Amino acid sequence: MSGLYPISGSKLYIGGRVTGKGTVTAADFAGATWTEVGGWANAGAVGDTQNVGEQDLINERRTRKFKTTVNGGTMDNQFVPMALDPGQIKFKEAIADCNPFQFKIEWGADCMPEGPVTISVAEPGVVTWQGHGLVAGQPVVFASTGALPTGLTAGTVYYVIAAGLASDAFSVAATPGGAGIATTAAGNGTHTASAPPAGMTDMFYGLALPGARQGGGATSAHLRNWSIAVDSNIIEV
């Protein structure tokens, strides 16, 4: 693709309740159960900013600067109120909780390639996907109408590994550059795979924050403001 991705079609997910920590890795999200938060109408900015300290030096007659802490900021979002949406229900529960939760954003999610796959029982398991066009390190998510082979979990983010990568086949790891995952028992049903664009998925720990309902004129859409205070580094995959 051109590298230009629309905000339209992006997806926001909330995962499980976690113990807060400032530095996370992809392994902290392995096996996460994700629920999409529906009704996402306006996306806020998300990303680290660098705090800078200053010191005046007499002899240089200059204020010198030095890097200090990094702040993930707060992502301000707007949603269409959907009282029965599973993601919004979970977000409300997270608002009432003092602990951070896992969050994932798939920017340009509707541009991702998707297709049917077969998965062998092997060490590592081999995914066959005709003309997949994926590269090593690219995230991949599996779904199934039945059950995936043992060793893989639907909805979990995996990563294509370089070993065995071919035009129609690949294996996956739980973390970027990790070891290939062995599949130990055959699944059932029809399996599909989707591959978010490389570098366009953000994962982080964050605090779910409440916000006001938006007012406006008679023709304005009724929205509510919910924010996420980023409480860790942001993993980009």
Protein backbone atom coordinates (compact mmCIF):
# COMPACT_ATOMS: atom_id res chain seq x y z
CA MET A 1 0.00 0.00 0.00
CA SER A 2 0.95 3.66 -0.30
CA GLY A 3 1.44 4.17 3.44
CA LEU A 4 -1.55 6.56 3.59
CA TYR A 5 -4.19 5.21 5.94
CA PRO A 6 -7.55 6.79 6.79
CA ILE A 7 -8.76 7.21 10.35
CA SER A 8 -12.03 5.82 9.01
CA GLY A 9 -12.20 2.09 9.63
CA SER A 10 -9.80 2.15 12.58
CA LYS A 11 -10.79 0.07 15.61
CA LEU A 12 -10.33 0.57 19.35
CA TYR A 13 -10.24 -2.45 21.67
CA ILE A 14 -10.19 -2.86 25.44
CA GLY A 15 -8.57 -5.90 27.02
CA GLY A 16 -8.20 -7.13 30.56
CA ARG A 17 -7.53 -5.46 33.89
CA VAL A 18 -3.81 -5.39 34.63
CA THR A 19 -1.32 -4.38 37.29
CA GLY A 20 0.15 -1.06 36.26
CA LYS A 21 3.75 -0.73 35.13
CA GLY A 22 5.56 1.89 33.10
CA THR A 23 7.33 -0.39 30.63
CA VAL A 24 5.45 -3.09 28.73
CA THR A 25 6.44 -5.46 25.94
CA ALA A 26 4.44 -7.35 23.34
CA ALA A 27 4.53 -10.35 25.68
CA ASP A 28 2.32 -8.43 28.14
CA PHE A 29 -0.48 -8.62 25.57
CA ALA A 30 -0.05 -12.28 24.57
CA GLY A 31 -3.31 -14.13 25.10
CA ALA A 32 -5.29 -10.93 25.73
CA THR A 33 -9.04 -11.09 25.20
CA TRP A 34 -10.02 -8.03 23.18
CA THR A 35 -13.45 -6.42 22.97
CA GLU A 36 -14.03 -3.72 20.36
CA VAL A 37 -15.49 -0.49 21.74
CA GLY A 38 -18.31 0.40 19.36
CA GLY A 39 -19.60 3.82 18.39
CA TRP A 40 -16.14 5.39 18.11
CA ALA A 41 -16.88 8.74 16.48
CA ASN A 42 -13.75 10.88 17.03
CA ALA A 43 -10.25 9.61 17.82
CA GLY A 44 -7.85 11.54 19.99
CA ALA A 45 -4.10 11.73 19.50
CA VAL A 46 -1.95 9.14 21.26
CA GLY A 47 1.83 9.01 21.64
CA ASP A 48 4.74 9.90 23.87
CA THR A 49 5.93 13.42 24.50
CA GLN A 50 9.31 14.19 26.06
CA ASN A 51 9.52 16.37 29.15
CA VAL A 52 12.57 18.62 29.18
CA GLY A 53 14.43 20.17 32.11
CA GLU A 54 16.44 23.38 31.99
CA GLN A 55 19.53 24.72 33.72
CA ASP A 56 21.03 28.20 33.34
CA LEU A 57 24.83 28.17 32.97
CA ILE A 58 26.74 31.28 34.04
CA ASN A 59 29.81 30.73 31.90
CA GLU A 60 27.88 29.89 28.72
CA ARG A 61 25.26 32.59 29.23
CA ARG A 62 22.78 30.02 27.96
CA THR A 63 19.96 27.90 29.26
CA ARG A 64 20.90 24.27 28.64
CA LYS A 65 18.26 21.58 28.27
CA PHE A 66 18.15 17.91 29.19
CA LYS A 67 15.64 15.14 28.66
CA THR A 68 13.67 13.91 31.67
CA THR A 69 10.54 11.77 31.80
CA VAL A 70 8.34 10.60 28.93
CA ASN A 71 4.57 11.10 29.08
CA GLY A 72 2.14 8.97 27.06
CA GLY A 73 -0.52 11.66 27.43
CA THR A 74 -4.28 11.28 27.46
CA MET A 75 -6.24 10.18 24.42
CA ASP A 76 -9.51 12.13 24.23
CA ASN A 77 -12.24 10.28 22.32
CA GLN A 78 -15.90 10.72 21.50
CA PHE A 79 -18.43 7.92 21.18
CA VAL A 80 -22.02 7.51 20.12
CA PRO A 81 -23.77 6.24 23.28
CA MET A 82 -24.56 2.52 22.81
CA ALA A 83 -25.79 1.14 26.13
CA LEU A 84 -25.81 -2.50 24.95
CA ASP A 85 -22.47 -2.49 23.13
CA PRO A 86 -20.13 -5.02 24.84
CA GLY A 87 -17.11 -2.74 24.43
CA GLN A 88 -18.86 0.28 25.90
CA ILE A 89 -20.11 -1.84 28.80
CA LYS A 90 -16.54 -2.99 29.47
CA PHE A 91 -15.22 0.58 29.18
CA LYS A 92 -17.75 1.72 31.79
CA GLU A 93 -16.56 -1.06 34.09
CA ALA A 94 -12.98 0.10 33.55
CA ILE A 95 -13.96 3.68 34.43
CA ALA A 96 -15.23 2.43 37.79
CA ASP A 97 -11.98 0.50 38.37
CA CYS A 98 -8.85 2.10 39.86
CA ASN A 99 -6.51 -0.13 37.85
CA PRO A 100 -5.28 0.20 34.26
CA PHE A 101 -6.55 -1.97 31.42
CA GLN A 102 -5.00 -3.22 28.20
CA PHE A 103 -5.85 -1.16 25.11
CA LYS A 104 -5.23 -1.77 21.42
CA ILE A 105 -5.80 0.51 18.43
CA GLU A 106 -5.71 -0.81 14.88
CA TRP A 107 -5.30 2.26 12.69
CA GLY A 108 -6.59 1.74 9.16
CA ALA A 109 -8.02 -1.62 10.21
CA ASP A 110 -10.42 -1.89 7.30
CA CYS A 111 -7.49 -1.74 4.85
CA MET A 112 -5.95 -4.95 6.18
CA PRO A 113 -5.68 -8.07 4.02
CA GLU A 114 -7.92 -10.91 5.13
CA GLY A 115 -8.45 -14.41 3.81
CA PRO A 116 -9.06 -18.11 4.51
CA VAL A 117 -6.17 -20.16 5.87
CA THR A 118 -5.28 -23.69 6.81
CA ILE A 119 -2.97 -24.41 9.74
CA SER A 120 -0.91 -27.57 10.07
CA VAL A 121 -0.12 -29.49 13.24
CA ALA A 122 3.64 -29.11 13.40
CA GLU A 123 6.53 -27.53 15.29
CA PRO A 124 6.12 -24.76 14.37
CA GLY A 125 2.64 -24.81 12.86
CA VAL A 126 2.52 -23.67 9.24
CA VAL A 127 -0.18 -21.28 8.07
CA THR A 128 -1.08 -21.64 4.39
CA TRP A 129 -2.54 -18.47 2.90
CA GLN A 130 -2.43 -18.12 -0.86
CA GLY A 131 -0.52 -15.01 -1.96
CA HIS A 132 -0.59 -13.48 1.52
CA GLY A 133 2.04 -10.80 0.79
CA LEU A 134 3.09 -10.55 4.44
CA VAL A 135 6.56 -9.75 5.74
CA ALA A 136 8.50 -10.92 8.80
CA GLY A 137 7.36 -9.09 11.92
CA GLN A 138 3.91 -8.24 10.57
CA PRO A 139 1.06 -8.78 13.06
CA VAL A 140 -1.54 -11.44 12.27
CA VAL A 141 -4.83 -12.27 14.00
CA PHE A 142 -6.75 -15.53 13.53
CA ALA A 143 -10.45 -16.29 13.77
CA SER A 144 -12.41 -19.50 13.33
CA THR A 145 -15.97 -20.73 12.99
CA GLY A 146 -14.88 -23.62 15.18
CA ALA A 147 -11.63 -24.01 17.10
CA LEU A 148 -8.09 -23.12 16.05
CA PRO A 149 -5.34 -25.74 16.39
CA THR A 150 -4.07 -26.07 19.95
CA GLY A 151 -1.38 -23.46 20.57
CA LEU A 152 -3.22 -20.60 18.85
CA THR A 153 -5.98 -18.40 20.30
CA ALA A 154 -8.54 -16.48 18.27
CA GLY A 155 -8.22 -12.71 18.55
CA THR A 156 -4.63 -12.78 19.83
CA VAL A 157 -2.00 -10.77 17.97
CA TYR A 158 0.78 -12.98 16.57
CA TYR A 159 3.79 -12.06 14.45
CA VAL A 160 5.09 -13.55 11.20
CA ILE A 161 8.57 -15.05 11.59
CA ALA A 162 11.29 -15.06 8.95
CA ALA A 163 11.95 -18.80 9.21
CA GLY A 164 9.86 -20.66 6.65
CA LEU A 165 8.31 -17.51 5.21
CA ALA A 166 7.15 -18.20 1.64
CA SER A 167 4.75 -16.66 -0.83
CA ASP A 168 1.89 -18.87 0.32
CA ALA A 169 2.94 -19.95 3.82
CA PHE A 170 4.41 -18.72 7.10
CA SER A 171 4.66 -19.47 10.81
CA VAL A 172 3.99 -17.14 13.71
CA ALA A 173 5.44 -16.23 17.10
CA ALA A 174 3.88 -14.74 20.22
CA THR A 175 6.28 -11.77 20.10
CA PRO A 176 8.17 -10.00 17.30
CA GLY A 177 11.27 -12.01 16.45
CA GLY A 178 10.23 -14.80 18.82
CA ALA A 179 10.22 -18.57 18.36
CA GLY A 180 7.64 -20.18 16.09
CA ILE A 181 4.57 -21.51 17.89
CA ALA A 182 4.01 -25.26 17.80
CA THR A 183 0.49 -26.55 17.13
CA THR A 184 -0.22 -29.78 18.94
CA ALA A 185 -3.76 -30.76 17.94
CA ALA A 186 -5.92 -30.09 14.90
CA GLY A 187 -8.73 -27.58 15.15
CA ASN A 188 -12.07 -27.62 13.38
CA GLY A 189 -14.22 -25.24 11.38
CA THR A 190 -13.14 -22.62 8.86
CA HIS A 191 -10.14 -20.49 9.80
CA THR A 192 -9.40 -16.96 8.62
CA ALA A 193 -6.49 -14.61 9.15
CA SER A 194 -6.25 -10.83 9.05
CA ALA A 195 -3.06 -8.80 9.00
CA PRO A 196 -3.14 -5.19 10.24
CA PRO A 197 -0.66 -2.95 8.39
CA ALA A 198 2.82 -3.19 9.92
CA GLY A 199 3.50 -0.36 12.36
CA MET A 200 -0.18 0.65 12.52
CA THR A 201 -1.24 -1.17 15.69
CA ASP A 202 -0.71 0.50 19.09
CA MET A 203 -0.91 -1.44 22.36
CA PHE A 204 -0.56 0.06 25.83
CA TYR A 205 -1.85 0.10 29.41
CA GLY A 206 -4.21 2.92 30.22
CA LEU A 207 -6.72 4.29 32.70
CA ALA A 208 -10.30 4.63 31.44
CA LEU A 209 -11.62 8.09 32.32
CA PRO A 210 -15.20 9.42 32.42
CA GLY A 211 -16.35 12.46 30.49
CA ALA A 212 -19.31 14.71 29.84
CA ARG A 213 -22.07 14.10 27.35
CA GLN A 214 -21.79 16.52 24.48
CA GLY A 215 -24.47 19.17 24.04
CA GLY A 216 -25.41 21.03 20.87
CA GLY A 217 -28.24 22.08 18.63
CA ALA A 218 -31.20 20.04 17.47
CA THR A 219 -29.36 18.63 14.45
CA SER A 220 -26.19 17.69 16.37
CA ALA A 221 -25.41 14.05 17.02
CA HIS A 222 -25.45 13.16 20.69
CA LEU A 223 -21.95 12.03 21.72
CA ARG A 224 -20.16 11.26 24.95
CA ASN A 225 -16.52 11.95 25.83
CA TRP A 226 -14.36 9.13 27.19
CA SER A 227 -10.60 9.45 27.56
CA ILE A 228 -7.75 7.02 28.09
CA ALA A 229 -4.78 8.15 30.19
CA VAL A 230 -1.82 6.22 28.79
CA ASP A 231 0.04 4.67 31.74
CA SER A 232 2.87 2.85 29.94
CA ASN A 233 5.02 3.02 26.87
CA ILE A 234 3.20 2.38 23.59
CA ILE A 235 4.07 -0.77 21.64
CA GLU A 236 3.85 -0.22 17.89
CA VAL A 237 3.55 -3.36 15.75
